[in-house]
């Protein structure tokens, strides 16, 4: 069996070599020249101590993240738990927490809508946490993920958040660690893959090690994609790691782009993977562990329902 798996992995490796030859054939300078066709390079400097203090005095930075975990078996016999946190950093007692549940046995839905429902609920509670956090008058709110995700999955709550941050002069930032877009390759080669992932070269791999540390590529405005929804995006190498993050801002707040990147540089460990530490703190604070999920279910759900509905047979295996 191991030999068969080894052979399959070797085949996969050869296919990856073949697929990525279209970008791996370029050296770094050639790749940077290609990137200059789709955006402008910006060198970013970290904020000074007095500038960071001013941000703190004006309300500081709040990071919003959410998580979900499932207990039970296959559809519909499970409970999906959701938790979102608007984090003030290490002062966990000041955090704003929003929670929700999804149980297909009670709520409407079918197996084909399952992922859509879960994605929507997670986006909704993250938006609710951000909206609630505005009462604390922050200067900046950093969302974990692309801002367009909220616009697509929970438009009404998104519009409410957007209106509030603009009205209250709060800067809204979306930070994306796991980049899924393919803007660079599509624009360089004028390609429309129509979501064919086998042909797509994603921005994540195209921009890998192409930027210098604390350098950003501010993408030219497009007629489609995020820009058509009122967002502006940039790729930013915020640490020594060769990978880049994506940073979204509102079109209405485009003038704050370099300031936002300087802030992110200031709150990111140069030796880390490039994610602002306040987002990592929010991630930990929002996490719903397997042990916690099981403990909550066993504490608040009747034993009869626990055994009959949610205690999946695989949990009872002796090996």
C-alpha atoms as a PDB file:
ATOM      1  CA  UNK A   1       0.000   0.000   0.000  1.00  0.00           C
ATOM      2  CA  UNK A   2       2.793   2.446   0.870  1.00  0.00           C
ATOM      3  CA  UNK A   3       4.460   1.728  -2.468  1.00  0.00           C
ATOM      4  CA  UNK A   4       1.219   2.485  -4.312  1.00  0.00           C
ATOM      5  CA  UNK A   5       0.783   5.751  -2.426  1.00  0.00           C
ATOM      6  CA  UNK A   6       4.409   6.648  -3.123  1.00  0.00           C
ATOM      7  CA  UNK A   7       3.859   6.123  -6.839  1.00  0.00           C
ATOM      8  CA  UNK A   8       0.749   8.296  -6.789  1.00  0.00           C
ATOM      9  CA  UNK A   9       2.624  11.063  -4.970  1.00  0.00           C
ATOM     10  CA  UNK A  10       5.430  10.900  -7.531  1.00  0.00           C
ATOM     11  CA  UNK A  11       2.846  11.309 -10.289  1.00  0.00           C
ATOM     12  CA  UNK A  12       1.352  14.275  -8.444  1.00  0.00           C
ATOM     13  CA  UNK A  13       4.770  15.878  -8.073  1.00  0.00           C
ATOM     14  CA  UNK A  14       5.385  15.581 -11.822  1.00  0.00           C
ATOM     15  CA  UNK A  15       1.984  17.116 -12.556  1.00  0.00           C
ATOM     16  CA  UNK A  16       2.778  20.032 -10.230  1.00  0.00           C
ATOM     17  CA  UNK A  17       6.117  20.569 -11.993  1.00  0.00           C
ATOM     18  CA  UNK A  18       4.295  20.629 -15.315  1.00  0.00           C
ATOM     19  CA  UNK A  19       1.564  22.979 -14.093  1.00  0.00           C
ATOM     20  CA  UNK A  20       3.845  25.514 -12.422  1.00  0.00           C
ATOM     21  CA  UNK A  21       6.457  25.612 -15.177  1.00  0.00           C
ATOM     22  CA  UNK A  22       4.575  28.618 -16.572  1.00  0.00           C
ATOM     23  CA  UNK A  23       5.757  30.708 -13.599  1.00  0.00           C
ATOM     24  CA  UNK A  24       8.766  28.746 -12.337  1.00  0.00           C
ATOM     25  CA  UNK A  25      10.538  29.319 -15.662  1.00  0.00           C
ATOM     26  CA  UNK A  26      10.970  32.987 -14.679  1.00  0.00           C
ATOM     27  CA  UNK A  27      13.730  34.160 -12.392  1.00  0.00           C
ATOM     28  CA  UNK A  28      12.844  36.610  -9.627  1.00  0.00           C
ATOM     29  CA  UNK A  29      13.622  39.756 -11.643  1.00  0.00           C
ATOM     30  CA  UNK A  30      11.560  38.525 -14.584  1.00  0.00           C
ATOM     31  CA  UNK A  31       8.667  37.713 -12.285  1.00  0.00           C
ATOM     32  CA  UNK A  32       8.845  41.168 -10.676  1.00  0.00           C
ATOM     33  CA  UNK A  33       8.767  42.737 -14.118  1.00  0.00           C
ATOM     34  CA  UNK A  34       5.583  40.804 -14.888  1.00  0.00           C
ATOM     35  CA  UNK A  35       4.052  41.857 -11.578  1.00  0.00           C
ATOM     36  CA  UNK A  36       4.703  45.523 -12.389  1.00  0.00           C
ATOM     37  CA  UNK A  37       2.157  45.181 -15.201  1.00  0.00           C
ATOM     38  CA  UNK A  38      -0.676  44.529 -12.762  1.00  0.00           C
ATOM     39  CA  UNK A  39       0.219  46.909  -9.931  1.00  0.00           C
ATOM     40  CA  UNK A  40       2.637  49.331  -8.324  1.00  0.00           C
ATOM     41  CA  UNK A  41       5.344  48.457  -5.831  1.00  0.00           C
ATOM     42  CA  UNK A  42       5.261  50.325  -2.515  1.00  0.00           C
ATOM     43  CA  UNK A  43       7.988  50.255   0.136  1.00  0.00           C
ATOM     44  CA  UNK A  44       6.457  50.303   3.603  1.00  0.00           C
ATOM     45  CA  UNK A  45       7.944  51.583   6.852  1.00  0.00           C
ATOM     46  CA  UNK A  46       6.706  50.646  10.307  1.00  0.00           C
ATOM     47  CA  UNK A  47       4.994  53.367  12.308  1.00  0.00           C
ATOM     48  CA  UNK A  48       6.968  55.276  14.890  1.00  0.00           C
ATOM     49  CA  UNK A  49       6.249  54.874  18.595  1.00  0.00           C
ATOM     50  CA  UNK A  50       4.459  58.222  18.820  1.00  0.00           C
ATOM     51  CA  UNK A  51       2.265  57.280  15.834  1.00  0.00           C
ATOM     52  CA  UNK A  52       1.290  53.998  17.491  1.00  0.00           C
ATOM     53  CA  UNK A  53       0.521  55.849  20.711  1.00  0.00           C
ATOM     54  CA  UNK A  54      -1.709  58.237  18.786  1.00  0.00           C
ATOM     55  CA  UNK A  55      -3.677  55.290  17.366  1.00  0.00           C
ATOM     56  CA  UNK A  56      -4.097  53.928  20.889  1.00  0.00           C
ATOM     57  CA  UNK A  57      -5.272  57.314  22.157  1.00  0.00           C
ATOM     58  CA  UNK A  58      -7.799  57.506  19.314  1.00  0.00           C
ATOM     59  CA  UNK A  59      -9.370  54.162  20.277  1.00  0.00           C
ATOM     60  CA  UNK A  60      -6.792  51.550  19.354  1.00  0.00           C
ATOM     61  CA  UNK A  61      -7.050  48.450  17.201  1.00  0.00           C
ATOM     62  CA  UNK A  62      -9.628  45.676  17.466  1.00  0.00           C
ATOM     63  CA  UNK A  63      -9.230  42.327  15.673  1.00  0.00           C
ATOM     64  CA  UNK A  64     -12.229  40.194  14.724  1.00  0.00           C
ATOM     65  CA  UNK A  65     -12.073  36.459  14.125  1.00  0.00           C
ATOM     66  CA  UNK A  66     -14.467  33.550  14.285  1.00  0.00           C
ATOM     67  CA  UNK A  67     -14.378  29.782  14.476  1.00  0.00           C
ATOM     68  CA  UNK A  68     -16.699  26.830  14.183  1.00  0.00           C
ATOM     69  CA  UNK A  69     -16.675  23.226  15.327  1.00  0.00           C
ATOM     70  CA  UNK A  70     -18.986  20.283  14.903  1.00  0.00           C
ATOM     71  CA  UNK A  71     -20.133  17.523  17.217  1.00  0.00           C
ATOM     72  CA  UNK A  72     -22.004  14.474  16.000  1.00  0.00           C
ATOM     73  CA  UNK A  73     -22.160  12.394  12.868  1.00  0.00           C
ATOM     74  CA  UNK A  74     -23.234  12.935   9.293  1.00  0.00           C
ATOM     75  CA  UNK A  75     -26.071  15.222   8.192  1.00  0.00           C
ATOM     76  CA  UNK A  76     -28.463  15.886   9.880  1.00  0.00           C
ATOM     77  CA  UNK A  77     -27.355  14.391  13.215  1.00  0.00           C
ATOM     78  CA  UNK A  78     -24.909  16.982  14.453  1.00  0.00           C
ATOM     79  CA  UNK A  79     -24.586  20.352  16.164  1.00  0.00           C
ATOM     80  CA  UNK A  80     -22.392  23.044  14.599  1.00  0.00           C
ATOM     81  CA  UNK A  81     -21.126  25.646  17.070  1.00  0.00           C
ATOM     82  CA  UNK A  82     -19.988  29.144  16.132  1.00  0.00           C
ATOM     83  CA  UNK A  83     -18.048  31.726  18.091  1.00  0.00           C
ATOM     84  CA  UNK A  84     -16.774  35.160  17.060  1.00  0.00           C
ATOM     85  CA  UNK A  85     -14.536  37.464  19.069  1.00  0.00           C
ATOM     86  CA  UNK A  86     -13.803  41.159  18.750  1.00  0.00           C
ATOM     87  CA  UNK A  87     -10.459  41.090  20.508  1.00  0.00           C
ATOM     88  CA  UNK A  88      -8.790  43.921  22.398  1.00  0.00           C
ATOM     89  CA  UNK A  89      -5.608  41.842  22.553  1.00  0.00           C
ATOM     90  CA  UNK A  90      -4.418  40.371  25.811  1.00  0.00           C
ATOM     91  CA  UNK A  91      -7.188  42.125  27.784  1.00  0.00           C
ATOM     92  CA  UNK A  92      -9.495  39.163  27.221  1.00  0.00           C
ATOM     93  CA  UNK A  93     -12.045  40.330  29.796  1.00  0.00           C
ATOM     94  CA  UNK A  94     -12.860  43.291  27.527  1.00  0.00           C
ATOM     95  CA  UNK A  95     -13.525  41.117  24.479  1.00  0.00           C
ATOM     96  CA  UNK A  96     -16.879  41.031  22.744  1.00  0.00           C
ATOM     97  CA  UNK A  97     -18.105  37.492  22.049  1.00  0.00           C
ATOM     98  CA  UNK A  98     -20.962  36.359  19.817  1.00  0.00           C
ATOM     99  CA  UNK A  99     -22.145  32.733  19.615  1.00  0.00           C
ATOM    100  CA  UNK A 100     -24.569  30.746  17.497  1.00  0.00           C
ATOM    101  CA  UNK A 101     -25.577  27.156  16.729  1.00  0.00           C
ATOM    102  CA  UNK A 102     -26.783  25.225  13.726  1.00  0.00           C
ATOM    103  CA  UNK A 103     -28.572  21.889  14.057  1.00  0.00           C
ATOM    104  CA  UNK A 104     -30.160  20.541  10.847  1.00  0.00           C
ATOM    105  CA  UNK A 105     -32.609  18.502  12.953  1.00  0.00           C
ATOM    106  CA  UNK A 106     -34.219  21.770  14.062  1.00  0.00           C
ATOM    107  CA  UNK A 107     -33.440  24.360  11.394  1.00  0.00           C
ATOM    108  CA  UNK A 108     -34.475  24.221   7.759  1.00  0.00           C
ATOM    109  CA  UNK A 109     -31.882  23.176   5.238  1.00  0.00           C
ATOM    110  CA  UNK A 110     -30.646  20.204   3.269  1.00  0.00           C
ATOM    111  CA  UNK A 111     -27.337  18.476   2.748  1.00  0.00           C
ATOM    112  CA  UNK A 112     -26.688  20.415  -0.466  1.00  0.00           C
ATOM    113  CA  UNK A 113     -26.997  23.770   1.342  1.00  0.00           C
ATOM    114  CA  UNK A 114     -24.960  22.654   4.359  1.00  0.00           C
ATOM    115  CA  UNK A 115     -21.690  24.446   3.550  1.00  0.00           C
ATOM    116  CA  UNK A 116     -23.470  27.616   2.434  1.00  0.00           C
ATOM    117  CA  UNK A 117     -25.446  27.784   5.694  1.00  0.00           C
ATOM    118  CA  UNK A 118     -22.330  27.250   7.830  1.00  0.00           C
ATOM    119  CA  UNK A 119     -20.286  29.833   5.907  1.00  0.00           C
ATOM    120  CA  UNK A 120     -23.122  32.358   6.173  1.00  0.00           C
ATOM    121  CA  UNK A 121     -23.579  31.888   9.925  1.00  0.00           C
ATOM    122  CA  UNK A 122     -19.857  32.297  10.561  1.00  0.00           C
ATOM    123  CA  UNK A 123     -19.722  35.499   8.516  1.00  0.00           C
ATOM    124  CA  UNK A 124     -22.813  36.830  10.309  1.00  0.00           C
ATOM    125  CA  UNK A 125     -21.467  36.400  13.835  1.00  0.00           C
ATOM    126  CA  UNK A 126     -18.125  37.955  12.876  1.00  0.00           C
ATOM    127  CA  UNK A 127     -19.978  40.975  11.491  1.00  0.00           C
ATOM    128  CA  UNK A 128     -22.126  41.168  14.632  1.00  0.00           C
ATOM    129  CA  UNK A 129     -18.982  41.158  16.781  1.00  0.00           C
ATOM    130  CA  UNK A 130     -17.456  43.955  14.685  1.00  0.00           C
ATOM    131  CA  UNK A 131     -20.663  46.006  14.823  1.00  0.00           C
ATOM    132  CA  UNK A 132     -20.866  45.597  18.602  1.00  0.00           C
ATOM    133  CA  UNK A 133     -17.192  46.583  18.918  1.00  0.00           C
ATOM    134  CA  UNK A 134     -17.897  49.958  17.312  1.00  0.00           C
ATOM    135  CA  UNK A 135     -19.551  50.992  20.589  1.00  0.00           C
ATOM    136  CA  UNK A 136     -16.029  51.015  22.059  1.00  0.00           C
ATOM    137  CA  UNK A 137     -14.948  53.641  19.508  1.00  0.00           C
ATOM    138  CA  UNK A 138     -11.884  51.905  18.031  1.00  0.00           C
ATOM    139  CA  UNK A 139      -9.756  53.681  15.462  1.00  0.00           C
ATOM    140  CA  UNK A 140      -9.164  50.540  13.406  1.00  0.00           C
ATOM    141  CA  UNK A 141     -10.942  47.203  12.985  1.00  0.00           C
ATOM    142  CA  UNK A 142      -9.024  44.317  11.412  1.00  0.00           C
ATOM    143  CA  UNK A 143     -11.127  41.450  10.072  1.00  0.00           C
ATOM    144  CA  UNK A 144      -9.640  37.991   9.596  1.00  0.00           C
ATOM    145  CA  UNK A 145     -10.231  37.342   5.910  1.00  0.00           C
ATOM    146  CA  UNK A 146     -11.263  39.130   2.769  1.00  0.00           C
ATOM    147  CA  UNK A 147     -13.889  41.845   3.136  1.00  0.00           C
ATOM    148  CA  UNK A 148     -15.698  40.631   0.024  1.00  0.00           C
ATOM    149  CA  UNK A 149     -16.593  37.430   1.882  1.00  0.00           C
ATOM    150  CA  UNK A 150     -18.872  39.405   4.202  1.00  0.00           C
ATOM    151  CA  UNK A 151     -20.433  41.331   1.324  1.00  0.00           C
ATOM    152  CA  UNK A 152     -21.310  38.078  -0.458  1.00  0.00           C
ATOM    153  CA  UNK A 153     -22.397  35.916   2.490  1.00  0.00           C
ATOM    154  CA  UNK A 154     -24.190  38.430   4.732  1.00  0.00           C
ATOM    155  CA  UNK A 155     -24.961  41.548   2.719  1.00  0.00           C
ATOM    156  CA  UNK A 156     -27.390  43.230   5.135  1.00  0.00           C
ATOM    157  CA  UNK A 157     -25.034  43.031   8.118  1.00  0.00           C
ATOM    158  CA  UNK A 158     -22.117  43.995   5.890  1.00  0.00           C
ATOM    159  CA  UNK A 159     -23.880  47.162   4.725  1.00  0.00           C
ATOM    160  CA  UNK A 160     -24.609  48.041   8.356  1.00  0.00           C
ATOM    161  CA  UNK A 161     -20.955  47.606   9.355  1.00  0.00           C
ATOM    162  CA  UNK A 162     -19.695  49.548   6.352  1.00  0.00           C
ATOM    163  CA  UNK A 163     -22.053  52.457   7.021  1.00  0.00           C
ATOM    164  CA  UNK A 164     -21.041  52.568  10.691  1.00  0.00           C
ATOM    165  CA  UNK A 165     -17.281  52.581  10.088  1.00  0.00           C
ATOM    166  CA  UNK A 166     -17.560  55.329   7.472  1.00  0.00           C
ATOM    167  CA  UNK A 167     -19.877  57.389   9.682  1.00  0.00           C
ATOM    168  CA  UNK A 168     -17.586  57.012  12.716  1.00  0.00           C
ATOM    169  CA  UNK A 169     -14.328  57.452  10.777  1.00  0.00           C
ATOM    170  CA  UNK A 170     -13.129  53.954  11.680  1.00  0.00           C
ATOM    171  CA  UNK A 171     -10.665  52.322   9.294  1.00  0.00           C
ATOM    172  CA  UNK A 172     -11.706  48.803   8.257  1.00  0.00           C
ATOM    173  CA  UNK A 173      -9.064  46.320   7.094  1.00  0.00           C
ATOM    174  CA  UNK A 174      -9.347  42.745   5.854  1.00  0.00           C
ATOM    175  CA  UNK A 175      -6.240  40.558   6.180  1.00  0.00           C
ATOM    176  CA  UNK A 176      -6.032  37.352   4.141  1.00  0.00           C
ATOM    177  CA  UNK A 177      -3.373  34.787   4.984  1.00  0.00           C
ATOM    178  CA  UNK A 178      -4.541  31.985   2.699  1.00  0.00           C
ATOM    179  CA  UNK A 179      -4.863  33.800  -0.636  1.00  0.00           C
ATOM    180  CA  UNK A 180      -7.287  32.197  -3.116  1.00  0.00           C
ATOM    181  CA  UNK A 181      -7.516  34.817  -5.883  1.00  0.00           C
ATOM    182  CA  UNK A 182      -5.879  34.537  -9.315  1.00  0.00           C
ATOM    183  CA  UNK A 183      -5.844  38.222 -10.293  1.00  0.00           C
ATOM    184  CA  UNK A 184      -2.158  38.389 -11.257  1.00  0.00           C
ATOM    185  CA  UNK A 185      -1.991  35.427 -13.631  1.00  0.00           C
ATOM    186  CA  UNK A 186      -5.367  36.157 -15.204  1.00  0.00           C
ATOM    187  CA  UNK A 187      -4.447  39.765 -15.937  1.00  0.00           C
ATOM    188  CA  UNK A 188      -0.922  39.105 -17.199  1.00  0.00           C
ATOM    189  CA  UNK A 189      -2.155  36.497 -19.650  1.00  0.00           C
ATOM    190  CA  UNK A 190      -5.685  37.880 -20.106  1.00  0.00           C
ATOM    191  CA  UNK A 191      -7.125  34.538 -19.097  1.00  0.00           C
ATOM    192  CA  UNK A 192     -10.593  33.606 -17.904  1.00  0.00           C
ATOM    193  CA  UNK A 193     -10.482  30.136 -16.379  1.00  0.00           C
ATOM    194  CA  UNK A 194     -14.156  30.095 -15.394  1.00  0.00           C
ATOM    195  CA  UNK A 195     -13.229  28.557 -12.041  1.00  0.00           C
ATOM    196  CA  UNK A 196     -11.253  25.694 -13.593  1.00  0.00           C
ATOM    197  CA  UNK A 197      -8.809  25.167 -10.728  1.00  0.00           C
ATOM    198  CA  UNK A 198      -6.620  22.737 -12.683  1.00  0.00           C
ATOM    199  CA  UNK A 199      -5.670  25.581 -15.040  1.00  0.00           C
ATOM    200  CA  UNK A 200      -5.552  28.412 -12.516  1.00  0.00           C
ATOM    201  CA  UNK A 201      -2.301  29.812 -11.130  1.00  0.00           C
ATOM    202  CA  UNK A 202      -3.245  31.476  -7.858  1.00  0.00           C
ATOM    203  CA  UNK A 203      -1.803  34.733  -6.566  1.00  0.00           C
ATOM    204  CA  UNK A 204      -0.466  32.886  -3.521  1.00  0.00           C
ATOM    205  CA  UNK A 205       2.070  30.929  -5.558  1.00  0.00           C
ATOM    206  CA  UNK A 206       2.760  33.595  -8.188  1.00  0.00           C
ATOM    207  CA  UNK A 207       3.794  36.189  -5.630  1.00  0.00           C
ATOM    208  CA  UNK A 208       5.718  33.746  -3.406  1.00  0.00           C
ATOM    209  CA  UNK A 209       9.177  35.242  -2.731  1.00  0.00           C
ATOM    210  CA  UNK A 210       8.626  37.887  -5.430  1.00  0.00           C
ATOM    211  CA  UNK A 211       8.299  40.797  -3.004  1.00  0.00           C
ATOM    212  CA  UNK A 212      10.974  42.174  -0.713  1.00  0.00           C
ATOM    213  CA  UNK A 213      10.317  42.278   3.015  1.00  0.00           C
ATOM    214  CA  UNK A 214       7.957  45.190   3.848  1.00  0.00           C
ATOM    215  CA  UNK A 215       7.127  45.673   0.188  1.00  0.00           C
ATOM    216  CA  UNK A 216       3.602  45.741  -1.201  1.00  0.00           C
ATOM    217  CA  UNK A 217       2.111  45.313  -4.655  1.00  0.00           C
ATOM    218  CA  UNK A 218      -0.879  47.632  -4.969  1.00  0.00           C
ATOM    219  CA  UNK A 219      -3.068  46.148  -7.681  1.00  0.00           C
ATOM    220  CA  UNK A 220      -4.353  48.285 -10.526  1.00  0.00           C
ATOM    221  CA  UNK A 221      -8.076  48.907 -10.373  1.00  0.00           C
ATOM    222  CA  UNK A 222     -10.113  46.262 -12.180  1.00  0.00           C
ATOM    223  CA  UNK A 223     -13.593  46.287 -13.670  1.00  0.00           C
ATOM    224  CA  UNK A 224     -14.355  42.937 -12.066  1.00  0.00           C
ATOM    225  CA  UNK A 225     -13.602  41.022  -8.888  1.00  0.00           C
ATOM    226  CA  UNK A 226     -13.231  42.827  -5.559  1.00  0.00           C
ATOM    227  CA  UNK A 227     -12.974  46.249  -7.194  1.00  0.00           C
ATOM    228  CA  UNK A 228     -16.459  45.912  -8.678  1.00  0.00           C
ATOM    229  CA  UNK A 229     -17.782  45.503  -5.113  1.00  0.00           C
ATOM    230  CA  UNK A 230     -16.071  48.644  -3.839  1.00  0.00           C
ATOM    231  CA  UNK A 231     -12.855  47.190  -2.409  1.00  0.00           C
ATOM    232  CA  UNK A 232      -9.178  47.893  -3.084  1.00  0.00           C
ATOM    233  CA  UNK A 233      -6.555  45.215  -2.574  1.00  0.00           C
ATOM    234  CA  UNK A 234      -2.825  44.845  -2.186  1.00  0.00           C
ATOM    235  CA  UNK A 235      -0.359  42.041  -1.590  1.00  0.00           C
ATOM    236  CA  UNK A 236       2.074  42.679   1.230  1.00  0.00           C
ATOM    237  CA  UNK A 237       5.161  40.823   2.425  1.00  0.00           C
ATOM    238  CA  UNK A 238       4.847  41.867   6.040  1.00  0.00           C
ATOM    239  CA  UNK A 239       7.745  39.811   7.446  1.00  0.00           C
ATOM    240  CA  UNK A 240      10.871  37.939   6.382  1.00  0.00           C
ATOM    241  CA  UNK A 241       8.767  34.941   5.354  1.00  0.00           C
ATOM    242  CA  UNK A 242       8.667  34.499   1.544  1.00  0.00           C
ATOM    243  CA  UNK A 243       4.871  34.399   1.462  1.00  0.00           C
ATOM    244  CA  UNK A 244       2.622  37.458   1.260  1.00  0.00           C
ATOM    245  CA  UNK A 245      -0.707  38.371   2.791  1.00  0.00           C
ATOM    246  CA  UNK A 246      -3.540  40.133   0.981  1.00  0.00           C
ATOM    247  CA  UNK A 247      -4.943  43.318   2.461  1.00  0.00           C
ATOM    248  CA  UNK A 248      -8.408  44.682   1.612  1.00  0.00           C
ATOM    249  CA  UNK A 249      -9.728  48.151   2.367  1.00  0.00           C
ATOM    250  CA  UNK A 250     -12.871  50.030   1.444  1.00  0.00           C
ATOM    251  CA  UNK A 251     -12.734  52.089  -1.734  1.00  0.00           C
ATOM    252  CA  UNK A 252     -13.919  55.032   0.364  1.00  0.00           C
ATOM    253  CA  UNK A 253     -10.843  54.654   2.600  1.00  0.00           C
ATOM    254  CA  UNK A 254      -8.266  54.127  -0.143  1.00  0.00           C
ATOM    255  CA  UNK A 255      -6.290  57.158   1.039  1.00  0.00           C
ATOM    256  CA  UNK A 256      -5.376  55.229   4.213  1.00  0.00           C
ATOM    257  CA  UNK A 257      -3.795  52.292   2.377  1.00  0.00           C
ATOM    258  CA  UNK A 258      -0.125  53.017   3.117  1.00  0.00           C
ATOM    259  CA  UNK A 259      -0.992  53.936   6.702  1.00  0.00           C
ATOM    260  CA  UNK A 260      -2.780  50.586   7.092  1.00  0.00           C
ATOM    261  CA  UNK A 261       0.194  48.677   5.700  1.00  0.00           C
ATOM    262  CA  UNK A 262       2.563  50.561   8.015  1.00  0.00           C
ATOM    263  CA  UNK A 263       0.347  49.641  10.958  1.00  0.00           C
ATOM    264  CA  UNK A 264       0.299  45.968   9.943  1.00  0.00           C
ATOM    265  CA  UNK A 265       4.093  46.028   9.636  1.00  0.00           C
ATOM    266  CA  UNK A 266       4.299  47.498  13.138  1.00  0.00           C
ATOM    267  CA  UNK A 267       2.163  44.788  14.746  1.00  0.00           C
ATOM    268  CA  UNK A 268       3.689  41.826  12.899  1.00  0.00           C
ATOM    269  CA  UNK A 269       6.741  39.922  14.111  1.00  0.00           C
ATOM    270  CA  UNK A 270       9.386  40.201  11.395  1.00  0.00           C
ATOM    271  CA  UNK A 271      10.337  36.549  12.002  1.00  0.00           C
ATOM    272  CA  UNK A 272       6.756  35.262  11.827  1.00  0.00           C
ATOM    273  CA  UNK A 273       4.716  33.983   8.893  1.00  0.00           C
ATOM    274  CA  UNK A 274       3.466  37.538   8.342  1.00  0.00           C
ATOM    275  CA  UNK A 275       0.145  37.704  10.203  1.00  0.00           C
ATOM    276  CA  UNK A 276      -0.399  40.576  12.704  1.00  0.00           C
ATOM    277  CA  UNK A 277      -0.088  39.218  16.238  1.00  0.00           C
ATOM    278  CA  UNK A 278      -3.438  40.696  17.282  1.00  0.00           C
ATOM    279  CA  UNK A 279      -5.152  38.450  14.713  1.00  0.00           C
ATOM    280  CA  UNK A 280      -3.339  35.420  16.107  1.00  0.00           C
ATOM    281  CA  UNK A 281      -4.538  36.404  19.585  1.00  0.00           C
ATOM    282  CA  UNK A 282      -8.111  36.718  18.297  1.00  0.00           C
ATOM    283  CA  UNK A 283      -7.795  33.326  16.606  1.00  0.00           C
ATOM    284  CA  UNK A 284      -6.848  31.646  19.890  1.00  0.00           C
ATOM    285  CA  UNK A 285      -9.589  33.463  21.811  1.00  0.00           C
ATOM    286  CA  UNK A 286     -12.251  32.495  19.259  1.00  0.00           C
ATOM    287  CA  UNK A 287     -11.250  28.856  19.002  1.00  0.00           C
ATOM    288  CA  UNK A 288     -13.776  26.139  19.904  1.00  0.00           C
ATOM    289  CA  UNK A 289     -11.781  23.013  20.732  1.00  0.00           C
ATOM    290  CA  UNK A 290     -13.025  19.446  20.314  1.00  0.00           C
ATOM    291  CA  UNK A 291     -12.921  18.925  24.079  1.00  0.00           C
ATOM    292  CA  UNK A 292     -14.940  22.080  24.738  1.00  0.00           C
ATOM    293  CA  UNK A 293     -17.496  21.111  22.090  1.00  0.00           C
ATOM    294  CA  UNK A 294     -18.039  17.685  23.635  1.00  0.00           C
ATOM    295  CA  UNK A 295     -18.144  19.083  27.165  1.00  0.00           C
ATOM    296  CA  UNK A 296     -20.806  21.650  26.262  1.00  0.00           C
ATOM    297  CA  UNK A 297     -22.965  19.090  24.458  1.00  0.00           C
ATOM    298  CA  UNK A 298     -22.802  16.609  27.349  1.00  0.00           C
ATOM    299  CA  UNK A 299     -23.551  19.356  29.886  1.00  0.00           C
ATOM    300  CA  UNK A 300     -26.526  21.049  28.241  1.00  0.00           C
ATOM    301  CA  UNK A 301     -28.146  18.368  26.058  1.00  0.00           C
ATOM    302  CA  UNK A 302     -30.224  15.628  27.700  1.00  0.00           C
ATOM    303  CA  UNK A 303     -28.438  12.269  27.875  1.00  0.00           C
ATOM    304  CA  UNK A 304     -31.232  10.681  25.842  1.00  0.00           C
ATOM    305  CA  UNK A 305     -30.740  13.115  22.952  1.00  0.00           C
ATOM    306  CA  UNK A 306     -26.972  12.954  23.263  1.00  0.00           C
ATOM    307  CA  UNK A 307     -26.945   9.163  22.837  1.00  0.00           C
ATOM    308  CA  UNK A 308     -29.767   8.938  20.320  1.00  0.00           C
ATOM    309  CA  UNK A 309     -28.899  11.867  18.066  1.00  0.00           C
ATOM    310  CA  UNK A 310     -25.324  13.046  18.392  1.00  0.00           C
ATOM    311  CA  UNK A 311     -23.112  10.272  19.803  1.00  0.00           C
ATOM    312  CA  UNK A 312     -21.875   9.002  16.436  1.00  0.00           C
ATOM    313  CA  UNK A 313     -21.081   5.315  16.157  1.00  0.00           C
ATOM    314  CA  UNK A 314     -17.442   6.061  15.264  1.00  0.00           C
ATOM    315  CA  UNK A 315     -17.007   7.566  18.751  1.00  0.00           C
ATOM    316  CA  UNK A 316     -17.764   4.138  20.230  1.00  0.00           C
ATOM    317  CA  UNK A 317     -14.972   2.253  18.471  1.00  0.00           C
ATOM    318  CA  UNK A 318     -12.563   0.430  20.750  1.00  0.00           C
ATOM    319  CA  UNK A 319      -9.612   0.915  18.380  1.00  0.00           C
END
